[in-house]
């Protein structure tokens, strides 16, 4: 894992984690659905989502932590505003999912490996490469022959312009348009330039 860095308001991050001892964190289709349901509950209030991919034993997200002002705009209660702590929200998300999995499969102990990886994306030049890397991940790890058919990533939602929680329009702006988005994803990928944003997933 990369050195842990704090999550800063208004910044972009590659967020990732894997199962403890590289074991699976998803066992059947309903697990993926529940994981994303909890993501909506805990993470959407504090982050915008641009790309994701869920694999059997690990996952990747590209997101931007919302500013305190953006959180306040979304406030729904009449109580005095207090910004949510992004790091705590991620902890709540993982803990909630771990409890659900442990209960469903009669297991105990940690589900995820260490603290989740978070690497700040600090250059516009890396966005399209990281989005492509995340979407091509199922093919890279041999889960499918064609990443475009994989059901547990944001690729299909963006390429088919579905109405989701994703910031799809922003993603397509990075690529220029939908045609470029699809073309870039079908080109040979080169992860060397963004190796510092991938963490230990290249190992």
N, C-alpha and C. Protein backbone atom coordinates (compact mmCIF):
# COMPACT_ATOMS: atom_id res chain seq x y z
N UNK A 1 0.83 -1.20 0.00
CA UNK A 1 0.00 0.00 0.00
C UNK A 1 0.87 1.26 0.00
N UNK A 2 0.35 2.30 -0.62
CA UNK A 2 1.04 3.57 -0.61
C UNK A 2 0.94 4.21 0.78
N UNK A 3 1.82 5.16 1.04
CA UNK A 3 1.78 5.89 2.29
C UNK A 3 0.42 6.58 2.42
N UNK A 4 -0.16 6.48 3.61
CA UNK A 4 -1.47 7.07 3.85
C UNK A 4 -1.39 8.59 3.81
N UNK A 5 -2.27 9.21 3.04
CA UNK A 5 -2.32 10.66 2.96
C UNK A 5 -3.72 11.10 3.39
N UNK A 6 -3.85 12.29 3.97
CA UNK A 6 -5.17 12.76 4.40
C UNK A 6 -6.04 13.11 3.20
N UNK A 7 -7.33 12.95 3.36
CA UNK A 7 -8.28 13.34 2.32
C UNK A 7 -8.59 14.82 2.49
N UNK A 8 -8.34 15.61 1.46
CA UNK A 8 -8.54 17.04 1.53
C UNK A 8 -9.79 17.43 0.75
N UNK A 9 -10.52 18.37 1.30
CA UNK A 9 -11.71 18.88 0.62
C UNK A 9 -11.34 19.46 -0.74
N UNK A 10 -12.14 19.12 -1.76
CA UNK A 10 -11.95 19.69 -3.09
C UNK A 10 -10.91 19.00 -3.95
N UNK A 11 -10.27 17.94 -3.45
CA UNK A 11 -9.22 17.27 -4.20
C UNK A 11 -9.70 15.94 -4.79
N UNK A 12 -9.02 15.50 -5.87
CA UNK A 12 -9.33 14.24 -6.55
C UNK A 12 -8.42 13.14 -6.01
N UNK A 13 -9.00 11.91 -5.95
CA UNK A 13 -8.23 10.78 -5.43
C UNK A 13 -8.55 9.49 -6.19
N UNK A 14 -7.54 8.65 -6.29
CA UNK A 14 -7.74 7.26 -6.65
C UNK A 14 -7.85 6.49 -5.34
N UNK A 15 -9.03 5.92 -5.10
CA UNK A 15 -9.30 5.18 -3.87
C UNK A 15 -9.37 3.69 -4.22
N UNK A 16 -8.68 2.86 -3.44
CA UNK A 16 -8.68 1.44 -3.75
C UNK A 16 -8.43 0.64 -2.48
N UNK A 17 -8.81 -0.63 -2.54
CA UNK A 17 -8.50 -1.56 -1.46
C UNK A 17 -8.73 -2.97 -1.96
N UNK A 18 -8.20 -3.94 -1.24
CA UNK A 18 -8.37 -5.34 -1.59
C UNK A 18 -8.75 -6.14 -0.35
N UNK A 19 -9.15 -7.39 -0.57
CA UNK A 19 -9.51 -8.25 0.53
C UNK A 19 -8.31 -8.62 1.39
N UNK A 20 -8.58 -8.86 2.65
CA UNK A 20 -7.53 -9.27 3.57
C UNK A 20 -6.88 -10.55 3.06
N UNK A 21 -5.55 -10.59 3.02
CA UNK A 21 -4.81 -11.73 2.46
C UNK A 21 -5.19 -12.01 1.01
N UNK A 22 -5.59 -10.93 0.32
CA UNK A 22 -5.99 -11.02 -1.10
C UNK A 22 -7.20 -11.93 -1.32
N UNK A 23 -7.99 -12.14 -0.26
CA UNK A 23 -9.19 -12.96 -0.39
C UNK A 23 -10.32 -12.15 -1.00
N UNK A 24 -11.36 -12.83 -1.43
CA UNK A 24 -12.49 -12.15 -2.07
C UNK A 24 -13.24 -11.27 -1.08
N UNK A 25 -13.77 -10.17 -1.61
CA UNK A 25 -14.67 -9.32 -0.83
C UNK A 25 -16.08 -9.34 -1.40
N UNK A 26 -16.21 -9.91 -2.60
CA UNK A 26 -17.52 -10.10 -3.23
C UNK A 26 -17.67 -11.58 -3.56
N UNK A 27 -18.80 -12.17 -3.17
CA UNK A 27 -19.00 -13.60 -3.33
C UNK A 27 -20.13 -13.93 -4.30
N UNK A 28 -21.06 -13.01 -4.45
CA UNK A 28 -22.16 -13.20 -5.39
C UNK A 28 -22.70 -11.84 -5.80
N UNK A 29 -23.59 -11.83 -6.78
CA UNK A 29 -24.05 -10.58 -7.39
C UNK A 29 -24.62 -9.62 -6.36
N UNK A 30 -25.36 -10.09 -5.41
CA UNK A 30 -26.01 -9.20 -4.44
C UNK A 30 -24.99 -8.43 -3.60
N UNK A 31 -23.78 -8.98 -3.45
CA UNK A 31 -22.74 -8.28 -2.69
C UNK A 31 -22.31 -7.01 -3.39
N UNK A 32 -22.13 -7.06 -4.70
CA UNK A 32 -21.75 -5.87 -5.45
C UNK A 32 -22.83 -4.79 -5.30
N UNK A 33 -24.08 -5.22 -5.40
CA UNK A 33 -25.19 -4.28 -5.30
C UNK A 33 -25.25 -3.65 -3.91
N UNK A 34 -25.03 -4.44 -2.89
CA UNK A 34 -25.09 -3.90 -1.52
C UNK A 34 -23.91 -2.96 -1.26
N UNK A 35 -22.75 -3.30 -1.78
CA UNK A 35 -21.57 -2.45 -1.62
C UNK A 35 -21.83 -1.06 -2.22
N UNK A 36 -22.43 -1.02 -3.41
CA UNK A 36 -22.72 0.26 -4.06
C UNK A 36 -23.85 0.99 -3.34
N UNK A 37 -24.79 0.25 -2.80
CA UNK A 37 -25.87 0.87 -2.02
C UNK A 37 -25.31 1.58 -0.81
N UNK A 38 -24.37 0.96 -0.13
CA UNK A 38 -23.73 1.58 1.02
C UNK A 38 -22.84 2.75 0.58
N UNK A 39 -22.26 2.65 -0.60
CA UNK A 39 -21.46 3.75 -1.15
C UNK A 39 -22.34 5.00 -1.30
N UNK A 40 -23.53 4.82 -1.82
CA UNK A 40 -24.45 5.94 -1.97
C UNK A 40 -24.78 6.55 -0.61
N UNK A 41 -24.96 5.70 0.38
CA UNK A 41 -25.32 6.18 1.72
C UNK A 41 -24.17 6.96 2.38
N UNK A 42 -22.96 6.42 2.33
CA UNK A 42 -21.86 6.99 3.10
C UNK A 42 -20.95 7.93 2.31
N UNK A 43 -20.74 7.65 1.03
CA UNK A 43 -19.72 8.39 0.28
C UNK A 43 -20.30 9.50 -0.60
N UNK A 44 -21.45 9.29 -1.20
CA UNK A 44 -22.01 10.34 -2.05
C UNK A 44 -22.18 11.67 -1.33
N UNK A 45 -22.52 11.68 -0.04
CA UNK A 45 -22.62 12.98 0.65
C UNK A 45 -21.30 13.74 0.74
N UNK A 46 -20.17 13.03 0.58
CA UNK A 46 -18.87 13.68 0.74
C UNK A 46 -18.01 13.65 -0.51
N UNK A 47 -18.47 13.01 -1.59
CA UNK A 47 -17.61 12.89 -2.77
C UNK A 47 -18.42 12.77 -4.05
N UNK A 48 -17.86 13.29 -5.14
CA UNK A 48 -18.38 13.09 -6.49
C UNK A 48 -17.62 11.93 -7.11
N UNK A 49 -18.33 11.09 -7.88
CA UNK A 49 -17.74 9.88 -8.43
C UNK A 49 -17.60 9.99 -9.94
N UNK A 50 -16.41 9.63 -10.46
CA UNK A 50 -16.13 9.75 -11.89
C UNK A 50 -15.91 8.40 -12.55
N UNK A 51 -15.39 7.44 -11.84
CA UNK A 51 -15.18 6.10 -12.39
C UNK A 51 -15.01 5.12 -11.25
N UNK A 52 -15.39 3.86 -11.50
CA UNK A 52 -15.18 2.82 -10.50
C UNK A 52 -15.12 1.46 -11.17
N UNK A 53 -14.57 0.50 -10.46
CA UNK A 53 -14.59 -0.89 -10.89
C UNK A 53 -14.50 -1.77 -9.65
N UNK A 54 -15.41 -2.74 -9.56
CA UNK A 54 -15.43 -3.68 -8.45
C UNK A 54 -15.05 -5.06 -8.98
N UNK A 55 -13.99 -5.65 -8.44
CA UNK A 55 -13.59 -7.00 -8.80
C UNK A 55 -13.74 -7.91 -7.59
N UNK A 56 -13.57 -9.20 -7.78
CA UNK A 56 -13.86 -10.14 -6.70
C UNK A 56 -13.08 -9.83 -5.42
N UNK A 57 -11.82 -9.44 -5.58
CA UNK A 57 -11.00 -9.25 -4.38
C UNK A 57 -10.46 -7.85 -4.20
N UNK A 58 -10.86 -6.90 -5.05
CA UNK A 58 -10.43 -5.51 -4.86
C UNK A 58 -11.31 -4.56 -5.65
N UNK A 59 -11.10 -3.27 -5.45
CA UNK A 59 -11.91 -2.27 -6.15
C UNK A 59 -11.10 -1.00 -6.39
N UNK A 60 -11.60 -0.17 -7.31
CA UNK A 60 -10.99 1.12 -7.64
C UNK A 60 -12.09 2.17 -7.79
N UNK A 61 -11.84 3.37 -7.29
CA UNK A 61 -12.72 4.52 -7.51
C UNK A 61 -11.86 5.74 -7.85
N UNK A 62 -12.35 6.56 -8.76
CA UNK A 62 -11.80 7.89 -8.98
C UNK A 62 -12.87 8.87 -8.53
N UNK A 63 -12.54 9.68 -7.55
CA UNK A 63 -13.55 10.59 -7.00
C UNK A 63 -12.92 11.91 -6.56
N UNK A 64 -13.79 12.84 -6.25
CA UNK A 64 -13.37 14.15 -5.76
C UNK A 64 -14.10 14.41 -4.44
N UNK A 65 -13.35 14.74 -3.41
CA UNK A 65 -13.95 15.06 -2.12
C UNK A 65 -14.64 16.42 -2.20
N UNK A 66 -15.89 16.47 -1.81
CA UNK A 66 -16.65 17.72 -1.86
C UNK A 66 -16.11 18.71 -0.83
N UNK A 67 -16.22 19.98 -1.15
CA UNK A 67 -15.81 21.02 -0.20
C UNK A 67 -16.86 21.10 0.91
N UNK A 68 -16.50 21.77 1.98
CA UNK A 68 -17.45 21.96 3.07
C UNK A 68 -18.66 22.76 2.59
N UNK A 69 -18.43 23.72 1.69
CA UNK A 69 -19.53 24.53 1.15
C UNK A 69 -20.47 23.67 0.32
N UNK A 70 -19.93 22.74 -0.44
CA UNK A 70 -20.77 21.84 -1.24
C UNK A 70 -21.58 20.91 -0.35
N UNK A 71 -20.98 20.47 0.73
CA UNK A 71 -21.73 19.65 1.69
C UNK A 71 -22.89 20.44 2.28
N UNK A 72 -22.63 21.69 2.61
CA UNK A 72 -23.66 22.51 3.25
C UNK A 72 -24.84 22.75 2.32
N UNK A 73 -24.57 22.91 1.03
CA UNK A 73 -25.63 23.12 0.05
C UNK A 73 -26.57 21.92 0.03
N UNK A 74 -26.03 20.72 0.24
CA UNK A 74 -26.82 19.49 0.18
C UNK A 74 -27.50 19.16 1.51
N UNK A 75 -27.27 19.97 2.51
CA UNK A 75 -27.85 19.70 3.84
C UNK A 75 -29.37 19.65 3.77
N UNK A 76 -29.94 18.62 4.38
CA UNK A 76 -31.39 18.43 4.33
C UNK A 76 -32.09 18.67 5.66
N UNK A 77 -31.35 18.70 6.75
CA UNK A 77 -31.97 18.88 8.06
C UNK A 77 -31.87 20.35 8.49
N UNK A 78 -32.63 20.68 9.52
CA UNK A 78 -32.62 22.04 10.06
C UNK A 78 -31.57 22.22 11.15
N UNK A 79 -30.90 21.15 11.48
CA UNK A 79 -29.87 21.22 12.52
C UNK A 79 -28.69 22.05 12.04
N UNK A 80 -27.93 22.64 12.97
CA UNK A 80 -26.75 23.41 12.57
C UNK A 80 -25.81 22.57 11.72
N UNK A 81 -25.25 23.17 10.69
CA UNK A 81 -24.39 22.42 9.76
C UNK A 81 -23.05 22.07 10.38
N UNK A 82 -22.67 20.81 10.24
CA UNK A 82 -21.35 20.34 10.63
C UNK A 82 -20.83 19.45 9.52
N UNK A 83 -19.73 19.82 8.87
CA UNK A 83 -19.24 19.02 7.73
C UNK A 83 -18.88 17.61 8.14
N UNK A 84 -19.18 16.66 7.26
CA UNK A 84 -18.83 15.27 7.50
C UNK A 84 -17.34 15.07 7.26
N UNK A 85 -16.75 14.21 8.03
CA UNK A 85 -15.34 13.88 7.86
C UNK A 85 -15.22 12.79 6.80
N UNK A 86 -14.59 13.07 5.65
CA UNK A 86 -14.52 12.08 4.56
C UNK A 86 -13.88 10.76 5.00
N UNK A 87 -12.78 10.84 5.73
CA UNK A 87 -12.09 9.61 6.16
C UNK A 87 -13.00 8.76 7.04
N UNK A 88 -13.75 9.39 7.93
CA UNK A 88 -14.67 8.66 8.79
C UNK A 88 -15.80 8.04 7.98
N UNK A 89 -16.25 8.74 6.94
CA UNK A 89 -17.31 8.20 6.09
C UNK A 89 -16.84 6.93 5.38
N UNK A 90 -15.59 6.93 4.92
CA UNK A 90 -15.05 5.73 4.29
C UNK A 90 -14.96 4.59 5.30
N UNK A 91 -14.54 4.90 6.51
CA UNK A 91 -14.46 3.88 7.56
C UNK A 91 -15.84 3.30 7.85
N UNK A 92 -16.85 4.17 7.90
CA UNK A 92 -18.21 3.72 8.15
C UNK A 92 -18.70 2.81 7.02
N UNK A 93 -18.36 3.18 5.79
CA UNK A 93 -18.74 2.38 4.61
C UNK A 93 -18.15 0.98 4.70
N UNK A 94 -16.84 0.88 4.91
CA UNK A 94 -16.18 -0.41 4.96
C UNK A 94 -16.65 -1.24 6.16
N UNK A 95 -16.83 -0.60 7.29
CA UNK A 95 -17.28 -1.32 8.48
C UNK A 95 -18.69 -1.87 8.29
N UNK A 96 -19.56 -1.07 7.68
CA UNK A 96 -20.93 -1.51 7.46
C UNK A 96 -20.97 -2.70 6.51
N UNK A 97 -20.17 -2.63 5.45
CA UNK A 97 -20.14 -3.75 4.49
C UNK A 97 -19.54 -5.00 5.13
N UNK A 98 -18.47 -4.83 5.89
CA UNK A 98 -17.84 -5.98 6.55
C UNK A 98 -18.83 -6.67 7.49
N UNK A 99 -19.58 -5.89 8.26
CA UNK A 99 -20.56 -6.48 9.17
C UNK A 99 -21.62 -7.26 8.40
N UNK A 100 -22.06 -6.73 7.26
CA UNK A 100 -23.08 -7.41 6.46
C UNK A 100 -22.54 -8.73 5.90
N UNK A 101 -21.30 -8.71 5.41
CA UNK A 101 -20.70 -9.92 4.86
C UNK A 101 -20.46 -10.96 5.95
N UNK A 102 -19.94 -10.51 7.08
CA UNK A 102 -19.69 -11.45 8.18
C UNK A 102 -20.97 -12.12 8.66
N UNK A 103 -22.04 -11.35 8.70
CA UNK A 103 -23.32 -11.90 9.13
C UNK A 103 -23.88 -12.87 8.09
N UNK A 104 -23.77 -12.50 6.82
CA UNK A 104 -24.36 -13.32 5.75
C UNK A 104 -23.62 -14.63 5.55
N UNK A 105 -22.30 -14.63 5.78
CA UNK A 105 -21.50 -15.82 5.47
C UNK A 105 -20.84 -16.44 6.71
N UNK A 106 -21.36 -16.09 7.89
CA UNK A 106 -20.88 -16.67 9.14
C UNK A 106 -19.35 -16.62 9.27
N UNK A 107 -18.82 -15.42 8.99
CA UNK A 107 -17.39 -15.24 9.13
C UNK A 107 -17.12 -14.19 10.21
N UNK A 108 -15.87 -14.09 10.64
CA UNK A 108 -15.49 -13.09 11.64
C UNK A 108 -14.21 -12.42 11.19
N UNK A 109 -13.95 -11.27 11.77
CA UNK A 109 -12.68 -10.60 11.52
C UNK A 109 -12.72 -9.62 10.36
N UNK A 110 -11.54 -9.11 10.04
CA UNK A 110 -11.40 -8.09 9.01
C UNK A 110 -11.68 -8.64 7.62
N UNK A 111 -12.33 -7.86 6.80
CA UNK A 111 -12.59 -8.24 5.41
C UNK A 111 -11.58 -7.58 4.48
N UNK A 112 -11.20 -6.34 4.79
CA UNK A 112 -10.30 -5.57 3.93
C UNK A 112 -8.88 -5.57 4.46
N UNK A 113 -7.93 -5.36 3.56
CA UNK A 113 -6.52 -5.31 3.91
C UNK A 113 -6.12 -3.92 4.38
N UNK A 114 -5.68 -3.81 5.61
CA UNK A 114 -5.15 -2.56 6.14
C UNK A 114 -6.09 -1.38 5.92
N UNK A 115 -5.53 -0.18 5.86
CA UNK A 115 -6.31 1.00 5.53
C UNK A 115 -6.47 1.10 4.02
N UNK A 116 -7.54 1.73 3.59
CA UNK A 116 -7.75 1.83 2.15
C UNK A 116 -6.69 2.74 1.52
N UNK A 117 -6.31 2.41 0.29
CA UNK A 117 -5.34 3.23 -0.42
C UNK A 117 -5.99 4.48 -0.97
N UNK A 118 -5.27 5.59 -0.87
CA UNK A 118 -5.77 6.84 -1.43
C UNK A 118 -4.59 7.60 -1.99
N UNK A 119 -4.62 7.90 -3.27
CA UNK A 119 -3.55 8.63 -3.93
C UNK A 119 -4.14 9.86 -4.61
N UNK A 120 -3.64 11.02 -4.28
CA UNK A 120 -4.16 12.26 -4.83
C UNK A 120 -3.79 12.39 -6.31
N UNK A 121 -4.77 12.74 -7.12
CA UNK A 121 -4.55 12.97 -8.55
C UNK A 121 -4.36 14.46 -8.73
N UNK A 122 -3.13 14.86 -9.00
CA UNK A 122 -2.80 16.29 -8.97
C UNK A 122 -2.50 16.89 -10.34
N UNK A 123 -2.86 16.19 -11.41
CA UNK A 123 -2.62 16.72 -12.75
C UNK A 123 -3.75 16.34 -13.69
N UNK A 124 -4.24 17.31 -14.47
CA UNK A 124 -5.30 17.03 -15.43
C UNK A 124 -4.88 16.00 -16.46
N UNK A 125 -3.57 15.91 -16.73
CA UNK A 125 -3.07 15.00 -17.75
C UNK A 125 -3.32 13.54 -17.41
N UNK A 126 -3.55 13.25 -16.11
CA UNK A 126 -3.67 11.86 -15.69
C UNK A 126 -5.12 11.37 -15.64
N UNK A 127 -6.08 12.26 -15.73
CA UNK A 127 -7.47 11.86 -15.54
C UNK A 127 -7.92 10.81 -16.54
N UNK A 128 -7.72 11.07 -17.83
CA UNK A 128 -8.23 10.12 -18.83
C UNK A 128 -7.48 8.80 -18.75
N UNK A 129 -6.20 8.84 -18.39
CA UNK A 129 -5.44 7.60 -18.27
C UNK A 129 -5.92 6.78 -17.09
N UNK A 130 -6.23 7.45 -15.98
CA UNK A 130 -6.68 6.73 -14.79
C UNK A 130 -8.08 6.17 -14.99
N UNK A 131 -8.97 6.93 -15.62
CA UNK A 131 -10.32 6.43 -15.92
C UNK A 131 -10.22 5.18 -16.79
N UNK A 132 -9.38 5.23 -17.83
CA UNK A 132 -9.21 4.09 -18.72
C UNK A 132 -8.63 2.90 -17.97
N UNK A 133 -7.64 3.15 -17.14
CA UNK A 133 -7.02 2.08 -16.36
C UNK A 133 -8.06 1.39 -15.48
N UNK A 134 -8.88 2.17 -14.78
CA UNK A 134 -9.90 1.60 -13.90
C UNK A 134 -10.87 0.74 -14.70
N UNK A 135 -11.32 1.23 -15.84
CA UNK A 135 -12.29 0.49 -16.64
C UNK A 135 -11.70 -0.77 -17.26
N UNK A 136 -10.43 -0.75 -17.60
CA UNK A 136 -9.80 -1.91 -18.23
C UNK A 136 -9.32 -2.94 -17.20
N UNK A 137 -9.46 -2.64 -15.92
CA UNK A 137 -8.93 -3.50 -14.87
C UNK A 137 -9.45 -4.94 -14.92
N UNK A 138 -10.74 -5.17 -15.18
CA UNK A 138 -11.22 -6.56 -15.22
C UNK A 138 -10.52 -7.40 -16.29
N UNK A 139 -10.21 -6.78 -17.43
CA UNK A 139 -9.50 -7.49 -18.49
C UNK A 139 -8.04 -7.69 -18.10
N UNK A 140 -7.45 -6.68 -17.47
CA UNK A 140 -6.06 -6.75 -17.03
C UNK A 140 -5.83 -7.93 -16.09
N UNK A 141 -6.79 -8.16 -15.19
CA UNK A 141 -6.66 -9.23 -14.20
C UNK A 141 -7.28 -10.55 -14.65
N UNK A 142 -7.76 -10.60 -15.89
CA UNK A 142 -8.25 -11.85 -16.44
C UNK A 142 -9.65 -12.26 -16.03
N UNK A 143 -10.46 -11.31 -15.51
CA UNK A 143 -11.82 -11.65 -15.13
C UNK A 143 -12.74 -11.78 -16.36
N UNK A 144 -12.43 -11.04 -17.40
CA UNK A 144 -13.19 -11.10 -18.65
C UNK A 144 -12.21 -10.94 -19.81
N UNK A 145 -12.65 -11.35 -21.00
CA UNK A 145 -11.82 -11.17 -22.20
C UNK A 145 -11.96 -9.76 -22.77
N UNK A 146 -13.10 -9.12 -22.48
CA UNK A 146 -13.36 -7.78 -22.98
C UNK A 146 -13.94 -6.94 -21.85
N UNK A 147 -13.19 -5.94 -21.40
CA UNK A 147 -13.60 -5.12 -20.26
C UNK A 147 -14.94 -4.44 -20.50
N UNK A 148 -15.31 -4.23 -21.76
CA UNK A 148 -16.55 -3.53 -22.08
C UNK A 148 -17.79 -4.33 -21.69
N UNK A 149 -17.63 -5.63 -21.48
CA UNK A 149 -18.76 -6.48 -21.10
C UNK A 149 -18.88 -6.64 -19.59
N UNK A 150 -17.93 -6.11 -18.85
CA UNK A 150 -17.92 -6.33 -17.41
C UNK A 150 -19.03 -5.51 -16.74
N UNK A 151 -19.87 -6.14 -15.91
CA UNK A 151 -21.05 -5.43 -15.38
C UNK A 151 -20.80 -4.56 -14.16
N UNK A 152 -19.66 -4.72 -13.48
CA UNK A 152 -19.46 -4.03 -12.21
C UNK A 152 -18.43 -2.91 -12.32
N UNK A 153 -18.56 -2.12 -13.36
CA UNK A 153 -17.73 -0.93 -13.51
C UNK A 153 -18.60 0.18 -14.07
N UNK A 154 -18.04 1.38 -14.12
CA UNK A 154 -18.79 2.54 -14.61
C UNK A 154 -18.70 2.69 -16.12
N UNK A 155 -17.97 1.81 -16.80
CA UNK A 155 -17.76 1.98 -18.24
C UNK A 155 -19.07 2.00 -19.01
N UNK A 156 -19.92 1.02 -18.81
CA UNK A 156 -21.17 0.94 -19.57
C UNK A 156 -22.09 2.12 -19.27
N UNK A 157 -22.16 2.53 -18.01
CA UNK A 157 -23.01 3.66 -17.65
C UNK A 157 -22.58 4.93 -18.37
N UNK A 158 -21.26 5.13 -18.46
CA UNK A 158 -20.76 6.33 -19.14
C UNK A 158 -20.89 6.21 -20.65
N UNK A 159 -20.51 5.06 -21.21
CA UNK A 159 -20.53 4.90 -22.66
C UNK A 159 -21.94 4.91 -23.23
N UNK A 160 -22.92 4.47 -22.41
CA UNK A 160 -24.31 4.48 -22.84
C UNK A 160 -25.07 5.69 -22.29
N UNK A 161 -24.34 6.56 -21.61
CA UNK A 161 -24.88 7.82 -21.08
C UNK A 161 -26.14 7.59 -20.24
N UNK A 162 -26.04 6.62 -19.32
CA UNK A 162 -27.16 6.32 -18.44
C UNK A 162 -27.27 7.37 -17.33
N UNK A 163 -28.46 7.51 -16.81
CA UNK A 163 -28.71 8.47 -15.72
C UNK A 163 -28.35 7.80 -14.40
N UNK A 164 -27.18 8.15 -13.86
CA UNK A 164 -26.69 7.56 -12.63
C UNK A 164 -26.12 8.66 -11.73
N UNK A 165 -25.53 8.23 -10.61
CA UNK A 165 -24.88 9.18 -9.70
C UNK A 165 -23.51 9.63 -10.23
N UNK A 166 -23.03 9.00 -11.28
CA UNK A 166 -21.72 9.33 -11.82
C UNK A 166 -21.71 10.72 -12.45
N UNK A 167 -20.54 11.37 -12.39
CA UNK A 167 -20.35 12.65 -13.07
C UNK A 167 -19.89 12.38 -14.50
N UNK A 168 -20.78 11.73 -15.27
CA UNK A 168 -20.43 11.27 -16.61
C UNK A 168 -20.10 12.40 -17.57
N UNK A 169 -20.83 13.50 -17.48
CA UNK A 169 -20.58 14.62 -18.38
C UNK A 169 -19.18 15.18 -18.18
N UNK A 170 -18.75 15.25 -16.94
CA UNK A 170 -17.40 15.73 -16.64
C UNK A 170 -16.37 14.78 -17.20
N UNK A 171 -16.60 13.48 -17.08
CA UNK A 171 -15.68 12.49 -17.62
C UNK A 171 -15.56 12.64 -19.13
N UNK A 172 -16.69 12.77 -19.80
CA UNK A 172 -16.65 12.92 -21.26
C UNK A 172 -15.98 14.23 -21.66
N UNK A 173 -16.10 15.25 -20.84
CA UNK A 173 -15.39 16.51 -21.10
C UNK A 173 -13.88 16.28 -21.08
N UNK A 174 -13.41 15.44 -20.13
CA UNK A 174 -11.97 15.15 -20.07
C UNK A 174 -11.49 14.51 -21.37
N UNK A 175 -12.32 13.61 -21.93
CA UNK A 175 -11.94 12.91 -23.16
C UNK A 175 -12.23 13.74 -24.41
N UNK A 176 -13.06 14.75 -24.28
CA UNK A 176 -13.44 15.58 -25.42
C UNK A 176 -14.85 15.30 -25.88
N UNK A 177 -15.19 14.02 -26.02
CA UNK A 177 -16.54 13.61 -26.40
C UNK A 177 -16.65 12.09 -26.24
N UNK A 178 -17.85 11.56 -26.49
CA UNK A 178 -18.09 10.13 -26.31
C UNK A 178 -17.26 9.30 -27.27
N UNK A 179 -17.12 9.77 -28.50
CA UNK A 179 -16.33 9.03 -29.49
C UNK A 179 -14.89 8.86 -29.03
N UNK A 180 -14.31 9.93 -28.51
CA UNK A 180 -12.94 9.84 -28.01
C UNK A 180 -12.85 8.95 -26.78
N UNK A 181 -13.87 9.00 -25.95
CA UNK A 181 -13.93 8.14 -24.76
C UNK A 181 -13.83 6.67 -25.17
N UNK A 182 -14.66 6.27 -26.13
CA UNK A 182 -14.66 4.88 -26.58
C UNK A 182 -13.37 4.52 -27.31
N UNK A 183 -12.88 5.45 -28.13
CA UNK A 183 -11.65 5.19 -28.88
C UNK A 183 -10.46 5.02 -27.95
N UNK A 184 -10.34 5.89 -26.95
CA UNK A 184 -9.21 5.82 -26.04
C UNK A 184 -9.22 4.53 -25.24
N UNK A 185 -10.41 4.07 -24.87
CA UNK A 185 -10.51 2.83 -24.10
C UNK A 185 -10.12 1.61 -24.93
N UNK A 186 -10.29 1.68 -26.24
CA UNK A 186 -9.98 0.54 -27.10
C UNK A 186 -8.52 0.55 -27.55
N UNK A 187 -7.81 1.65 -27.29
CA UNK A 187 -6.41 1.73 -27.67
C UNK A 187 -5.56 0.92 -26.69
N UNK A 188 -4.35 0.57 -27.12
CA UNK A 188 -3.45 -0.13 -26.22
C UNK A 188 -3.15 0.74 -25.01
N UNK A 189 -3.28 0.19 -23.83
CA UNK A 189 -3.06 0.98 -22.63
C UNK A 189 -1.60 0.93 -22.21
N UNK A 190 -1.13 2.02 -21.62
CA UNK A 190 0.22 2.12 -21.11
C UNK A 190 0.14 2.72 -19.71
N UNK A 191 0.41 1.90 -18.71
CA UNK A 191 0.25 2.34 -17.32
C UNK A 191 1.50 2.98 -16.73
N UNK A 192 2.56 3.07 -17.52
CA UNK A 192 3.82 3.59 -16.98
C UNK A 192 3.65 5.02 -16.49
N UNK A 193 2.97 5.87 -17.26
CA UNK A 193 2.86 7.28 -16.91
C UNK A 193 2.08 7.51 -15.62
N UNK A 194 1.17 6.61 -15.29
CA UNK A 194 0.36 6.80 -14.09
C UNK A 194 0.67 5.75 -13.03
N UNK A 195 1.85 5.14 -13.10
CA UNK A 195 2.19 4.09 -12.14
C UNK A 195 2.16 4.63 -10.70
N UNK A 196 2.46 5.92 -10.52
CA UNK A 196 2.45 6.50 -9.18
C UNK A 196 1.03 6.69 -8.65
N UNK A 197 0.03 6.56 -9.52
CA UNK A 197 -1.36 6.71 -9.11
C UNK A 197 -2.06 5.36 -8.92
N UNK A 198 -1.38 4.29 -9.25
CA UNK A 198 -1.99 2.97 -9.24
C UNK A 198 -1.72 2.23 -7.94
N UNK A 199 -0.71 2.61 -7.20
CA UNK A 199 -0.39 1.91 -5.97
C UNK A 199 0.27 0.58 -6.28
N UNK A 200 -0.08 -0.47 -5.56
CA UNK A 200 0.56 -1.76 -5.76
C UNK A 200 -0.25 -2.67 -6.68
N UNK A 201 -1.20 -2.12 -7.44
CA UNK A 201 -2.03 -2.95 -8.30
C UNK A 201 -1.24 -3.49 -9.48
N UNK A 202 -0.08 -2.90 -9.79
CA UNK A 202 0.74 -3.38 -10.90
C UNK A 202 1.55 -4.61 -10.49
N UNK A 203 1.63 -4.90 -9.19
CA UNK A 203 2.47 -5.99 -8.72
C UNK A 203 1.80 -7.34 -8.96
